[in-house]
Protein backbone atom coordinates (compact mmCIF):
# COMPACT_ATOMS: atom_id res chain seq x y z
CA MET A 1 136.81 99.79 208.97
CA LEU A 2 135.20 100.56 205.61
CA LEU A 3 133.53 103.91 206.35
CA GLN A 4 133.71 106.15 209.39
CA THR A 5 132.34 109.61 210.09
CA LYS A 6 133.83 111.58 212.95
CA ASN A 7 131.74 114.32 214.53
CA ILE A 8 130.57 115.66 211.17
CA LYS A 9 128.43 118.77 211.05
CA VAL A 10 126.52 120.31 208.15
CA HIS A 11 125.11 123.86 208.12
CA PHE A 12 122.56 125.30 205.72
CA ALA A 13 122.88 129.08 206.04
CA THR A 14 122.82 129.58 209.83
CA ALA A 15 120.94 126.34 210.61
CA GLU A 16 122.87 123.32 211.87
CA VAL A 17 121.30 120.35 210.08
CA ILE A 18 123.78 117.60 211.00
CA LYS A 19 124.99 118.01 214.55
CA GLY A 20 128.12 115.98 215.12
CA ILE A 21 127.45 112.47 213.81
CA ASN A 22 129.69 109.46 214.38
CA VAL A 23 128.82 106.40 212.31
CA GLU A 24 130.87 103.31 211.45
CA VAL A 25 130.36 100.72 208.70
CA ALA A 26 132.55 97.63 208.79
CA THR A 27 133.67 95.77 205.68
CA LYS A 28 130.85 93.25 206.07
CA GLY A 29 127.22 93.60 207.04
CA VAL A 30 124.42 96.10 206.54
CA VAL A 31 124.17 99.13 208.82
CA SER A 32 120.84 100.95 209.00
CA ILE A 33 119.98 104.50 210.00
CA ILE A 34 116.38 105.00 211.03
CA GLY A 35 114.46 108.10 211.90
CA SER A 36 111.45 110.18 210.98
CA ASN A 37 111.16 112.58 208.06
CA GLY A 38 113.31 115.67 208.54
CA ALA A 39 115.78 113.94 210.85
CA GLY A 40 118.68 114.70 208.49
CA LYS A 41 119.26 111.20 207.12
CA SER A 42 119.40 112.15 203.44
CA THR A 43 121.65 115.13 204.14
CA PHE A 44 124.00 112.83 206.01
CA LEU A 45 124.32 110.54 202.98
CA LYS A 46 124.86 113.52 200.69
CA ALA A 47 127.65 114.71 202.96
CA ILE A 48 129.40 111.35 202.60
CA THR A 49 129.20 111.53 198.80
CA GLY A 50 130.50 115.09 198.73
CA SER A 51 127.36 116.65 197.27
CA VAL A 52 126.83 118.58 200.52
CA SER A 53 129.76 120.40 202.14
CA LEU A 54 130.84 119.72 205.71
CA HIS A 55 131.02 122.53 208.24
CA SER A 56 133.37 120.45 210.40
CA GLY A 57 134.34 116.87 211.20
CA GLU A 58 135.94 114.11 209.17
CA ILE A 59 134.85 111.35 206.80
CA TRP A 60 137.19 108.37 206.40
CA PHE A 61 136.86 105.69 203.74
CA LEU A 62 139.29 102.78 203.61
CA ARG A 63 141.55 104.71 205.99
CA LYS A 64 141.61 107.74 203.69
CA ASN A 65 140.22 111.14 204.65
CA ILE A 66 137.84 112.10 201.83
CA ASN A 67 136.68 115.48 203.14
CA ALA A 68 138.25 117.54 200.37
CA LEU A 69 137.61 115.18 197.46
CA PRO A 70 135.20 116.10 194.64
CA VAL A 71 132.20 113.87 194.00
CA HIS A 72 133.73 112.00 191.04
CA GLU A 73 136.82 111.10 193.08
CA ILE A 74 134.65 109.78 195.90
CA ILE A 75 132.75 107.62 193.41
CA LYS A 76 136.02 106.43 191.94
CA LEU A 77 137.20 105.32 195.38
CA GLY A 78 134.16 103.05 195.65
CA ILE A 79 131.20 104.91 197.20
CA ALA A 80 127.89 104.77 195.33
CA LEU A 81 124.54 106.37 196.20
CA VAL A 82 121.05 105.05 195.45
CA PRO A 83 119.05 108.26 195.89
CA GLU A 84 115.65 108.68 197.48
CA GLY A 85 112.85 108.57 194.92
CA ARG A 86 114.89 106.41 192.51
CA ARG A 87 115.57 109.17 189.93
CA PRO A 88 116.58 107.35 186.77
CA PHE A 89 117.03 109.46 183.67
CA PRO A 90 113.46 108.94 182.41
CA TYR A 91 113.93 109.64 178.69
CA MET A 92 117.05 107.54 178.34
CA SER A 93 116.98 103.79 177.80
CA VAL A 94 117.59 101.33 180.60
CA LEU A 95 120.88 100.38 178.95
CA ALA A 96 122.01 104.01 178.70
CA ASN A 97 121.13 104.58 182.38
CA LEU A 98 123.24 101.60 183.39
CA LYS A 99 126.20 102.70 181.30
CA LEU A 100 126.11 106.09 183.02
CA GLY A 101 126.94 104.29 186.25
CA ALA A 102 130.28 103.31 184.72
CA TYR A 103 131.12 106.71 183.23
CA LEU A 104 134.45 106.83 185.06
CA GLN A 105 135.48 103.46 183.64
CA LYS A 106 137.23 103.67 180.26
CA ASP A 107 137.85 99.96 179.62
CA LYS A 108 134.93 98.68 177.50
CA ARG A 109 135.66 95.07 178.44
CA ILE A 110 135.21 95.88 182.12
CA ILE A 111 132.00 97.80 181.37
CA ASN A 112 130.61 94.88 179.36
CA ARG A 113 131.43 92.42 182.14
CA ALA A 114 129.73 94.70 184.65
CA LEU A 115 126.66 94.93 182.40
CA ALA A 116 126.54 91.15 182.10
CA ASP A 117 126.63 90.87 185.89
CA ILE A 118 123.78 93.38 186.24
CA PHE A 119 121.61 91.60 183.68
CA ASP A 120 122.34 88.30 185.42
CA ARG A 121 121.32 89.80 188.76
CA PHE A 122 118.28 91.64 187.33
CA PRO A 123 116.94 89.69 184.32
CA ILE A 124 114.01 92.11 183.97
CA LEU A 125 116.47 94.88 183.09
CA TRP A 126 117.75 92.82 180.17
CA LYS A 127 114.20 92.46 178.90
CA ARG A 128 113.61 96.20 179.33
CA ARG A 129 117.06 97.35 178.18
CA LYS A 130 115.73 99.29 175.15
CA GLN A 131 112.81 100.91 177.00
CA GLN A 132 112.88 104.44 178.34
CA ALA A 133 113.57 104.28 182.06
CA GLY A 134 110.52 106.43 182.81
CA THR A 135 108.20 103.71 181.47
CA LEU A 136 109.33 101.16 184.07
CA SER A 137 107.32 100.30 187.17
CA GLY A 138 108.49 101.63 190.54
CA GLY A 139 110.09 98.32 191.44
CA GLU A 140 111.85 98.08 188.09
CA GLN A 141 113.16 101.63 188.45
CA GLN A 142 114.54 100.74 191.86
CA MET A 143 116.36 97.76 190.36
CA LEU A 144 117.68 100.06 187.65
CA VAL A 145 119.15 102.65 190.02
CA ILE A 146 120.66 99.90 192.18
CA GLY A 147 122.11 98.38 189.02
CA ARG A 148 123.41 101.79 187.96
CA ALA A 149 125.14 102.14 191.35
CA LEU A 150 126.66 98.65 191.01
CA MET A 151 128.02 99.58 187.57
CA SER A 152 130.54 101.84 189.32
CA MET A 153 131.87 98.69 191.03
CA PRO A 154 131.55 100.16 194.53
CA LYS A 155 132.92 98.94 197.82
CA ILE A 156 129.93 100.44 199.63
CA ILE A 157 126.44 101.47 198.53
CA LEU A 158 124.48 104.15 200.37
CA MET A 159 120.74 103.53 199.97
CA ASP A 160 118.29 106.32 200.72
CA GLU A 161 114.74 105.09 201.49
CA PRO A 162 114.77 102.36 198.79
CA SER A 163 111.37 100.95 199.84
CA LEU A 164 109.58 104.30 199.46
CA GLY A 165 106.39 103.94 197.40
CA LEU A 166 106.89 100.25 196.64
CA ALA A 167 104.37 97.44 197.11
CA PRO A 168 105.06 94.91 199.89
CA ILE A 169 105.89 92.13 197.42
CA VAL A 170 108.48 94.38 195.74
CA ILE A 171 109.95 95.29 199.13
CA GLU A 172 110.47 91.60 199.83
CA GLU A 173 112.38 91.33 196.56
CA LEU A 174 114.40 94.39 197.59
CA VAL A 175 115.32 92.67 200.86
CA SER A 176 116.72 89.75 198.86
CA ILE A 177 118.65 92.14 196.60
CA ILE A 178 120.30 93.91 199.55
CA LYS A 179 121.28 90.60 201.15
CA ASP A 180 122.68 89.42 197.83
CA ILE A 181 124.73 92.60 197.40
CA ASN A 182 126.16 92.20 200.88
CA ARG A 183 127.07 88.58 200.22
CA ASP A 184 129.28 89.94 197.44
CA GLU A 185 131.16 91.78 200.22
CA ILE A 186 129.85 95.19 199.23
CA GLY A 187 129.07 97.25 202.31
CA VAL A 188 125.59 98.75 202.63
CA LEU A 189 124.59 101.84 204.61
CA LEU A 190 120.80 101.87 204.54
CA VAL A 191 118.60 104.85 205.40
CA GLU A 192 115.07 103.52 205.79
CA GLN A 193 111.75 103.98 207.59
CA ASN A 194 110.34 100.52 206.89
CA ALA A 195 110.96 98.81 210.23
CA ASN A 196 110.28 95.30 208.95
CA MET A 197 112.76 95.69 206.12
CA VAL A 198 115.44 97.13 208.40
CA THR A 199 115.22 94.20 210.83
CA GLN A 200 115.43 91.71 207.96
CA VAL A 201 118.60 93.06 206.36
CA SER A 202 120.70 94.57 209.14
CA GLU A 203 122.06 93.57 212.54
CA ARG A 204 123.32 96.97 213.67
CA GLY A 205 121.87 100.42 213.39
CA TYR A 206 121.56 104.03 214.50
CA VAL A 207 118.56 106.17 215.36
CA MET A 208 118.69 109.78 214.18
CA GLU A 209 116.59 112.64 215.53
CA MET A 210 116.94 116.30 214.55
CA GLY A 211 120.38 115.84 213.08
CA LYS A 212 121.76 113.81 215.98
CA ILE A 213 122.38 110.12 216.65
CA VAL A 214 120.38 109.39 219.79
CA LEU A 215 120.68 105.60 219.93
CA LYS A 216 122.88 102.90 218.39
CA GLY A 217 123.44 99.18 218.64
CA ASP A 218 121.69 95.90 217.87
CA ILE A 219 118.86 96.64 215.44
CA LYS A 220 116.24 94.47 217.15
CA LYS A 221 116.97 96.08 220.51
CA LEU A 222 116.74 99.51 218.91
CA MET A 223 113.34 98.69 217.42
CA ALA A 224 112.09 97.64 220.86
CA HIS A 225 113.32 100.82 222.56
CA ASP A 226 110.58 103.12 223.78
CA VAL A 227 112.14 106.13 222.02
CA VAL A 228 111.90 104.31 218.68
CA GLN A 229 108.44 102.98 219.42
CA ARG A 230 107.16 106.49 220.12
CA ALA A 231 109.04 108.63 217.63
CA PHE A 232 109.73 106.25 214.78
CA LEU A 233 107.00 103.65 214.86
CA GLY A 234 104.33 105.96 216.30
CA THR A 235 103.30 103.61 219.11
């Protein structure tokens, strides 16, 4: 098992936001979490990366309990986050943004090899390497933040609503990128509301409502479930 959460809970003040979630991500494949806005999906990912504190429960990564680890140690172990809304550093160059992804790596040869891999995977980033990140299109910024995450050489990438605000043709490219990442045996935990994208990239998933997992299993069966049709797809 690559990643496992055991009955984790997150409180903000007196409000319980995450209410005992159990999720598993194996070493291969893409696992999706679907749910409407406000379900707690982003908070769940932040809890895994250590940027939000747990009230209770356990998070295990590669058979190691990471509850008490600081964010930089969690990144060093091999967990990377692609945040909602992309969020590159807009006034820094594309190249500088990418290098930030490898800030824990001190060996310049390893960093240069990682950069070469990113530019091979995303040729447009090579062309734009001297541009300020804020001047890129939405799709290019998404490639940049995925590339920045890959620069940390992760074993799993957590993606938070990567299709948000992107044109359909760019989303199709994003589907190919996620499949390509997974073929490199990097695990992917995808939080997403785009039903078509979810069914294209993942076989297994979870449905989250109000901080709880209410359904889990085969992604196509989940999408056909009446709870998902009503609450998630609005039908």
